[in-house]
Amino acid sequence: MKKRNFSAEFKRESAQLVLDQNYTVAAAASAMDVGLSTMTRWVKQLRDERQGKIPKASPITPEQIEIRELKKKLQRIEMENDILKNCPWVKPRPESQKLP
């Protein structure tokens, strides 16, 4: 059986059936043609995100995806900064040449 990939929007809309439109998890899973455990996971993810919890699984809102990417970028830049600070052959700029 081929693994199906669902967009973040599809996952969010599917979970909203349960949280916002009072579908049961089973009814929403059937309506969206996904497995019961898959729907249960999406509903839990959306509920956790709405409560401000940091998701352990893949984020399902565009904002969460952007936040995750920005955090990764920040971590990489901080690591590069630390490497440069500890690099003996890189001399710090004189005070007069420092950027504002």
Protein backbone atom coordinates (compact mmCIF):
# COMPACT_ATOMS: atom_id res chain seq x y z
CA MET A 1 0.00 0.00 0.00
CA LYS A 2 1.38 3.40 -1.00
CA LYS A 3 1.84 5.98 1.74
CA ARG A 4 -0.28 9.07 1.14
CA ASN A 5 0.99 12.54 1.88
CA PHE A 6 -1.43 15.21 3.03
CA SER A 7 -0.94 18.95 2.93
CA ALA A 8 -0.83 20.93 6.15
CA GLU A 9 -4.05 22.65 5.10
CA PHE A 10 -5.84 19.31 4.59
CA LYS A 11 -4.71 18.09 8.01
CA ARG A 12 -5.84 21.31 9.70
CA GLU A 13 -9.24 21.31 7.97
CA SER A 14 -9.77 17.64 8.82
CA ALA A 15 -8.97 18.22 12.50
CA GLN A 16 -11.24 21.27 12.55
CA LEU A 17 -14.19 19.01 11.71
CA VAL A 18 -13.77 17.41 15.13
CA LEU A 19 -12.79 20.48 17.15
CA ASP A 20 -15.02 23.11 15.55
CA GLN A 21 -17.91 21.26 13.90
CA ASN A 22 -18.57 18.56 16.52
CA TYR A 23 -17.83 15.57 14.29
CA THR A 24 -16.67 12.44 16.05
CA VAL A 25 -13.13 11.40 15.22
CA ALA A 26 -14.48 8.30 13.46
CA ALA A 27 -16.98 10.32 11.40
CA ALA A 28 -14.35 12.87 10.38
CA ALA A 29 -11.88 10.12 9.46
CA SER A 30 -14.51 8.45 7.32
CA ALA A 31 -15.59 11.72 5.68
CA MET A 32 -11.99 12.65 4.81
CA ASP A 33 -11.02 9.07 3.85
CA VAL A 34 -8.15 8.76 6.34
CA GLY A 35 -7.40 6.26 9.07
CA LEU A 36 -8.79 6.65 12.56
CA SER A 37 -5.34 6.85 14.18
CA THR A 38 -4.25 9.45 11.63
CA MET A 39 -7.27 11.63 12.36
CA THR A 40 -6.75 11.20 16.12
CA ARG A 41 -3.14 12.40 15.76
CA TRP A 42 -4.14 15.45 13.67
CA VAL A 43 -6.84 16.43 16.19
CA LYS A 44 -4.37 16.13 19.07
CA GLN A 45 -1.80 18.22 17.18
CA LEU A 46 -4.29 21.00 16.43
CA ARG A 47 -5.64 20.97 19.99
CA ASP A 48 -2.10 21.21 21.39
CA GLU A 49 -1.20 24.05 19.01
CA ARG A 50 -4.30 25.98 20.02
CA GLN A 51 -3.29 25.59 23.66
CA GLY A 52 0.17 26.95 22.88
CA LYS A 53 2.03 23.68 23.39
CA ILE A 54 5.09 23.07 21.25
CA PRO A 55 4.25 20.25 18.85
CA LYS A 56 6.47 17.16 18.89
CA ALA A 57 5.27 16.04 15.48
CA SER A 58 5.25 18.08 12.32
CA PRO A 59 3.46 21.39 12.70
CA ILE A 60 0.24 21.76 10.75
CA THR A 61 -0.24 25.51 10.52
CA PRO A 62 1.78 27.68 8.14
CA GLU A 63 2.80 29.88 11.08
CA GLN A 64 4.17 26.87 12.98
CA ILE A 65 6.13 25.79 9.90
CA GLU A 66 7.63 29.28 9.57
CA ILE A 67 8.50 29.40 13.29
CA ARG A 68 10.24 26.01 13.05
CA GLU A 69 12.28 27.14 10.02
CA LEU A 70 13.24 30.43 11.70
CA LYS A 71 14.34 28.62 14.87
CA LYS A 72 16.54 26.29 12.80
CA LYS A 73 18.06 29.26 10.98
CA LEU A 74 18.70 31.12 14.26
CA GLN A 75 20.35 28.05 15.78
CA ARG A 76 22.63 27.66 12.74
CA ILE A 77 23.63 31.35 12.80
CA GLU A 78 24.33 31.24 16.55
CA MET A 79 26.51 28.17 16.03
CA GLU A 80 28.43 29.91 13.23
CA ASN A 81 28.88 32.94 15.49
CA ASP A 82 30.27 30.78 18.30
CA ILE A 83 32.71 29.14 15.89
CA LEU A 84 33.94 32.51 14.67
CA LYS A 85 34.27 33.88 18.22
CA ASN A 86 36.50 30.95 19.18
CA CYS A 87 38.52 30.95 15.99
CA PRO A 88 42.13 32.02 16.78
CA TRP A 89 42.93 33.34 13.31
CA VAL A 90 39.95 35.69 13.15
CA LYS A 91 40.72 38.95 14.90
CA PRO A 92 37.89 41.10 16.26
CA ARG A 93 37.26 44.43 14.59
CA PRO A 94 38.62 47.51 16.29
CA GLU A 95 35.98 49.47 18.20
CA SER A 96 35.97 52.20 15.53
CA GLN A 97 35.04 49.72 12.76
CA LYS A 98 32.24 47.88 14.54
CA LEU A 99 28.82 47.94 12.98
CA PRO A 100 26.07 49.84 14.79
